[in-house]
Amino acid sequence: MAKLDDDKAQDVVFIDLKGKSAMADGLVVASGRSHRHVGAMADHLLRSLKEAGYGRCRVEGLPACDWVLIDTGDVIIHLFRPEVRAFYNIEKIWSVEPPANRAAI
């Protein structure tokens, strides 16, 4: 998640799935400001993962960069444009408050 912070990702959330799902141990959900920002974050993250020995990540959504999904095996990373993230509301699926709602409480 430090790489996402370096790339100025917005509203980064980690959702712990241990004991809740067999598909992964956790999800990372983050937003970028634009198509280009989401694409750059995904590219930088994929390079870092490859350098760390996770070169076999599966990636979906790179051409459009509205929602890029990076599956590392243990952790699934979702990078969204803000309006796409609001539409799909993944945090609600896993019963986690989105960052904007947490700040209002």
N, C-alpha and C. Protein backbone atom coordinates (compact mmCIF):
# COMPACT_ATOMS: atom_id res chain seq x y z
N MET A 1 0.82 -1.19 0.00
CA MET A 1 0.00 0.00 0.00
C MET A 1 0.87 1.25 0.00
N ALA A 2 2.12 1.12 0.37
CA ALA A 2 3.02 2.27 0.34
C ALA A 2 3.18 2.79 -1.08
N LYS A 3 3.21 1.88 -2.06
CA LYS A 3 3.34 2.29 -3.46
C LYS A 3 2.11 3.11 -3.88
N LEU A 4 0.94 2.74 -3.42
CA LEU A 4 -0.26 3.51 -3.73
C LEU A 4 -0.20 4.89 -3.09
N ASP A 5 0.32 4.96 -1.88
CA ASP A 5 0.49 6.27 -1.23
C ASP A 5 1.47 7.14 -2.02
N ASP A 6 2.57 6.53 -2.48
CA ASP A 6 3.56 7.26 -3.29
C ASP A 6 2.93 7.82 -4.56
N ASP A 7 1.99 7.06 -5.14
CA ASP A 7 1.34 7.47 -6.38
C ASP A 7 0.10 8.34 -6.15
N LYS A 8 -0.09 8.79 -4.92
CA LYS A 8 -1.20 9.69 -4.57
C LYS A 8 -2.58 9.06 -4.79
N ALA A 9 -2.69 7.75 -4.50
CA ALA A 9 -3.99 7.09 -4.56
C ALA A 9 -4.89 7.72 -3.50
N GLN A 10 -6.18 7.76 -3.79
CA GLN A 10 -7.14 8.37 -2.88
C GLN A 10 -7.99 7.30 -2.22
N ASP A 11 -8.37 7.55 -0.97
CA ASP A 11 -9.29 6.69 -0.23
C ASP A 11 -8.89 5.21 -0.27
N VAL A 12 -7.66 4.92 0.10
CA VAL A 12 -7.15 3.54 0.09
C VAL A 12 -7.73 2.80 1.29
N VAL A 13 -8.31 1.62 1.02
CA VAL A 13 -8.92 0.79 2.05
C VAL A 13 -8.41 -0.63 1.90
N PHE A 14 -8.06 -1.27 3.02
CA PHE A 14 -7.74 -2.69 3.03
C PHE A 14 -8.88 -3.42 3.70
N ILE A 15 -9.39 -4.46 3.07
CA ILE A 15 -10.48 -5.26 3.62
C ILE A 15 -9.92 -6.65 3.90
N ASP A 16 -9.91 -7.03 5.16
CA ASP A 16 -9.40 -8.33 5.58
C ASP A 16 -10.46 -9.39 5.29
N LEU A 17 -10.11 -10.38 4.48
CA LEU A 17 -11.06 -11.44 4.11
C LEU A 17 -10.74 -12.78 4.77
N LYS A 18 -9.73 -12.81 5.62
CA LYS A 18 -9.38 -14.07 6.28
C LYS A 18 -10.59 -14.59 7.05
N GLY A 19 -10.96 -15.83 6.77
CA GLY A 19 -12.11 -16.44 7.42
C GLY A 19 -13.44 -16.05 6.82
N LYS A 20 -13.45 -15.11 5.86
CA LYS A 20 -14.69 -14.67 5.22
C LYS A 20 -14.83 -15.20 3.80
N SER A 21 -13.68 -15.45 3.14
CA SER A 21 -13.71 -15.86 1.75
C SER A 21 -12.50 -16.72 1.43
N ALA A 22 -12.70 -17.69 0.56
CA ALA A 22 -11.60 -18.55 0.13
C ALA A 22 -10.86 -17.96 -1.07
N MET A 23 -11.40 -16.90 -1.68
CA MET A 23 -10.80 -16.37 -2.90
C MET A 23 -9.51 -15.58 -2.65
N ALA A 24 -9.39 -14.96 -1.48
CA ALA A 24 -8.20 -14.16 -1.17
C ALA A 24 -8.17 -13.87 0.33
N ASP A 25 -7.00 -13.44 0.80
CA ASP A 25 -6.86 -13.05 2.20
C ASP A 25 -7.27 -11.61 2.43
N GLY A 26 -7.27 -10.81 1.35
CA GLY A 26 -7.64 -9.42 1.51
C GLY A 26 -7.86 -8.71 0.20
N LEU A 27 -8.53 -7.58 0.29
CA LEU A 27 -8.77 -6.71 -0.86
C LEU A 27 -8.19 -5.34 -0.54
N VAL A 28 -7.63 -4.72 -1.56
CA VAL A 28 -7.23 -3.32 -1.46
C VAL A 28 -8.09 -2.58 -2.45
N VAL A 29 -8.73 -1.52 -2.01
CA VAL A 29 -9.56 -0.69 -2.88
C VAL A 29 -9.02 0.73 -2.82
N ALA A 30 -8.79 1.32 -3.99
CA ALA A 30 -8.25 2.68 -4.04
C ALA A 30 -8.81 3.40 -5.26
N SER A 31 -8.77 4.71 -5.21
CA SER A 31 -9.25 5.53 -6.33
C SER A 31 -8.12 6.36 -6.91
N GLY A 32 -8.23 6.62 -8.21
CA GLY A 32 -7.35 7.56 -8.90
C GLY A 32 -8.21 8.69 -9.43
N ARG A 33 -7.59 9.80 -9.77
CA ARG A 33 -8.35 10.98 -10.18
C ARG A 33 -8.88 10.91 -11.61
N SER A 34 -8.24 10.10 -12.46
CA SER A 34 -8.62 10.04 -13.88
C SER A 34 -8.23 8.70 -14.46
N HIS A 35 -8.61 8.47 -15.72
CA HIS A 35 -8.19 7.25 -16.41
C HIS A 35 -6.67 7.13 -16.38
N ARG A 36 -6.01 8.22 -16.70
CA ARG A 36 -4.55 8.23 -16.76
C ARG A 36 -3.93 7.93 -15.39
N HIS A 37 -4.48 8.50 -14.33
CA HIS A 37 -3.96 8.27 -12.99
C HIS A 37 -4.15 6.81 -12.58
N VAL A 38 -5.31 6.24 -12.85
CA VAL A 38 -5.57 4.83 -12.53
C VAL A 38 -4.60 3.94 -13.30
N GLY A 39 -4.41 4.22 -14.59
CA GLY A 39 -3.49 3.44 -15.40
C GLY A 39 -2.05 3.52 -14.91
N ALA A 40 -1.62 4.71 -14.53
CA ALA A 40 -0.25 4.90 -14.03
C ALA A 40 -0.07 4.16 -12.70
N MET A 41 -1.06 4.25 -11.81
CA MET A 41 -0.96 3.53 -10.54
C MET A 41 -0.85 2.03 -10.77
N ALA A 42 -1.68 1.51 -11.69
CA ALA A 42 -1.65 0.08 -12.00
C ALA A 42 -0.29 -0.32 -12.56
N ASP A 43 0.23 0.47 -13.49
CA ASP A 43 1.53 0.18 -14.10
C ASP A 43 2.64 0.17 -13.05
N HIS A 44 2.68 1.18 -12.19
CA HIS A 44 3.70 1.26 -11.16
C HIS A 44 3.58 0.10 -10.17
N LEU A 45 2.34 -0.24 -9.81
CA LEU A 45 2.11 -1.33 -8.87
C LEU A 45 2.54 -2.67 -9.48
N LEU A 46 2.22 -2.88 -10.75
CA LEU A 46 2.62 -4.12 -11.42
C LEU A 46 4.14 -4.25 -11.51
N ARG A 47 4.81 -3.15 -11.78
CA ARG A 47 6.28 -3.18 -11.81
C ARG A 47 6.85 -3.53 -10.43
N SER A 48 6.31 -2.92 -9.39
CA SER A 48 6.78 -3.19 -8.04
C SER A 48 6.51 -4.65 -7.63
N LEU A 49 5.34 -5.15 -7.99
CA LEU A 49 5.01 -6.54 -7.68
C LEU A 49 5.95 -7.50 -8.41
N LYS A 50 6.26 -7.20 -9.66
CA LYS A 50 7.16 -8.05 -10.43
C LYS A 50 8.55 -8.05 -9.81
N GLU A 51 9.03 -6.87 -9.40
CA GLU A 51 10.34 -6.77 -8.75
C GLU A 51 10.38 -7.52 -7.42
N ALA A 52 9.22 -7.62 -6.76
CA ALA A 52 9.14 -8.32 -5.47
C ALA A 52 8.90 -9.82 -5.64
N GLY A 53 8.85 -10.28 -6.89
CA GLY A 53 8.68 -11.71 -7.13
C GLY A 53 7.25 -12.16 -7.38
N TYR A 54 6.33 -11.21 -7.57
CA TYR A 54 4.93 -11.55 -7.86
C TYR A 54 4.61 -11.27 -9.32
N GLY A 55 5.46 -11.73 -10.22
CA GLY A 55 5.32 -11.42 -11.63
C GLY A 55 4.17 -12.10 -12.34
N ARG A 56 3.53 -13.02 -11.69
CA ARG A 56 2.43 -13.76 -12.33
C ARG A 56 1.05 -13.22 -11.98
N CYS A 57 0.96 -11.96 -11.66
CA CYS A 57 -0.32 -11.33 -11.32
C CYS A 57 -1.23 -11.33 -12.55
N ARG A 58 -2.51 -11.53 -12.31
CA ARG A 58 -3.50 -11.41 -13.38
C ARG A 58 -4.08 -10.01 -13.32
N VAL A 59 -4.29 -9.42 -14.49
CA VAL A 59 -4.74 -8.03 -14.57
C VAL A 59 -5.94 -7.95 -15.51
N GLU A 60 -6.93 -7.20 -15.12
CA GLU A 60 -8.11 -6.93 -15.94
C GLU A 60 -8.38 -5.44 -15.93
N GLY A 61 -8.84 -4.89 -17.05
CA GLY A 61 -9.32 -3.52 -17.10
C GLY A 61 -8.30 -2.47 -17.50
N LEU A 62 -7.08 -2.86 -17.86
CA LEU A 62 -6.08 -1.86 -18.20
C LEU A 62 -6.41 -1.01 -19.43
N PRO A 63 -7.00 -1.56 -20.48
CA PRO A 63 -7.25 -0.69 -21.64
C PRO A 63 -8.14 0.52 -21.32
N ALA A 64 -9.19 0.33 -20.55
CA ALA A 64 -10.12 1.44 -20.26
C ALA A 64 -9.71 2.25 -19.04
N CYS A 65 -9.12 1.59 -18.06
CA CYS A 65 -8.66 2.22 -16.81
C CYS A 65 -9.79 2.89 -16.01
N ASP A 66 -11.01 2.38 -16.13
CA ASP A 66 -12.10 2.81 -15.24
C ASP A 66 -12.00 2.04 -13.93
N TRP A 67 -11.74 0.72 -14.07
CA TRP A 67 -11.60 -0.18 -12.94
C TRP A 67 -10.54 -1.20 -13.33
N VAL A 68 -9.40 -1.14 -12.66
CA VAL A 68 -8.33 -2.10 -12.93
C VAL A 68 -8.26 -3.04 -11.74
N LEU A 69 -8.31 -4.35 -12.03
CA LEU A 69 -8.23 -5.37 -11.01
C LEU A 69 -6.89 -6.08 -11.17
N ILE A 70 -6.13 -6.18 -10.07
CA ILE A 70 -4.86 -6.90 -10.06
C ILE A 70 -4.98 -8.00 -9.03
N ASP A 71 -4.90 -9.25 -9.50
CA ASP A 71 -5.02 -10.41 -8.63
C ASP A 71 -3.63 -10.98 -8.37
N THR A 72 -3.13 -10.81 -7.14
CA THR A 72 -1.81 -11.32 -6.80
C THR A 72 -1.87 -12.73 -6.23
N GLY A 73 -3.07 -13.24 -6.05
CA GLY A 73 -3.27 -14.55 -5.44
C GLY A 73 -3.80 -14.40 -4.03
N ASP A 74 -3.00 -13.83 -3.14
CA ASP A 74 -3.43 -13.64 -1.75
C ASP A 74 -4.22 -12.36 -1.55
N VAL A 75 -3.91 -11.34 -2.35
CA VAL A 75 -4.56 -10.04 -2.23
C VAL A 75 -5.05 -9.61 -3.61
N ILE A 76 -6.26 -9.10 -3.66
CA ILE A 76 -6.83 -8.57 -4.90
C ILE A 76 -6.91 -7.06 -4.77
N ILE A 77 -6.36 -6.37 -5.75
CA ILE A 77 -6.29 -4.91 -5.71
C ILE A 77 -7.26 -4.35 -6.74
N HIS A 78 -8.12 -3.44 -6.30
CA HIS A 78 -9.08 -2.77 -7.18
C HIS A 78 -8.71 -1.29 -7.24
N LEU A 79 -8.44 -0.80 -8.44
CA LEU A 79 -8.15 0.61 -8.65
C LEU A 79 -9.28 1.20 -9.50
N PHE A 80 -9.93 2.23 -9.00
CA PHE A 80 -11.11 2.81 -9.64
C PHE A 80 -10.95 4.29 -9.93
N ARG A 81 -11.72 4.76 -10.91
CA ARG A 81 -12.03 6.19 -10.97
C ARG A 81 -13.13 6.39 -9.93
N PRO A 82 -13.20 7.56 -9.27
CA PRO A 82 -14.15 7.75 -8.15
C PRO A 82 -15.61 7.43 -8.49
N GLU A 83 -16.08 7.85 -9.65
CA GLU A 83 -17.49 7.61 -9.97
C GLU A 83 -17.78 6.13 -10.22
N VAL A 84 -16.82 5.39 -10.73
CA VAL A 84 -16.98 3.96 -10.95
C VAL A 84 -16.97 3.25 -9.60
N ARG A 85 -16.08 3.68 -8.71
CA ARG A 85 -16.03 3.10 -7.37
C ARG A 85 -17.34 3.32 -6.63
N ALA A 86 -17.89 4.50 -6.73
CA ALA A 86 -19.16 4.79 -6.07
C ALA A 86 -20.29 3.93 -6.63
N PHE A 87 -20.27 3.69 -7.94
CA PHE A 87 -21.31 2.89 -8.58
C PHE A 87 -21.27 1.44 -8.09
N TYR A 88 -20.09 0.82 -8.07
CA TYR A 88 -19.97 -0.59 -7.69
C TYR A 88 -19.94 -0.80 -6.18
N ASN A 89 -19.46 0.17 -5.43
CA ASN A 89 -19.50 0.16 -3.97
C ASN A 89 -19.06 -1.18 -3.35
N ILE A 90 -17.87 -1.61 -3.69
CA ILE A 90 -17.34 -2.89 -3.20
C ILE A 90 -17.26 -2.93 -1.68
N GLU A 91 -16.95 -1.81 -1.06
CA GLU A 91 -16.86 -1.79 0.40
C GLU A 91 -18.18 -2.23 1.05
N LYS A 92 -19.29 -1.88 0.45
CA LYS A 92 -20.59 -2.25 1.02
C LYS A 92 -20.82 -3.76 0.92
N ILE A 93 -20.34 -4.36 -0.16
CA ILE A 93 -20.48 -5.81 -0.32
C ILE A 93 -19.83 -6.54 0.86
N TRP A 94 -18.69 -6.03 1.30
CA TRP A 94 -17.95 -6.67 2.39
C TRP A 94 -18.23 -5.99 3.72
N SER A 95 -19.27 -5.17 3.81
CA SER A 95 -19.70 -4.49 5.03
C SER A 95 -18.62 -3.61 5.63
N VAL A 96 -17.95 -2.84 4.78
CA VAL A 96 -16.95 -1.89 5.23
C VAL A 96 -17.40 -0.51 4.80
N GLU A 97 -17.38 0.43 5.72
CA GLU A 97 -17.78 1.81 5.38
C GLU A 97 -16.81 2.43 4.39
N PRO A 98 -17.31 3.05 3.32
CA PRO A 98 -16.42 3.78 2.41
C PRO A 98 -15.76 4.95 3.16
N PRO A 99 -14.57 5.38 2.74
CA PRO A 99 -13.84 6.43 3.47
C PRO A 99 -14.64 7.71 3.68
N ALA A 100 -15.43 8.14 2.70
CA ALA A 100 -16.19 9.39 2.83
C ALA A 100 -17.21 9.30 3.96
N ASN A 101 -17.85 8.14 4.12
CA ASN A 101 -18.85 7.98 5.19
C ASN A 101 -18.21 7.90 6.55
N ARG A 102 -17.00 7.29 6.64
CA ARG A 102 -16.31 7.20 7.91
C ARG A 102 -15.91 8.58 8.42
N ALA A 103 -15.53 9.45 7.52
CA ALA A 103 -15.08 10.80 7.91
C ALA A 103 -16.24 11.62 8.48
N ALA A 104 -17.46 11.33 8.03
CA ALA A 104 -18.63 12.09 8.46
C ALA A 104 -19.12 11.69 9.85
N ILE A 105 -18.70 10.54 10.33
CA ILE A 105 -19.18 10.04 11.62
C ILE A 105 -18.48 10.72 12.75
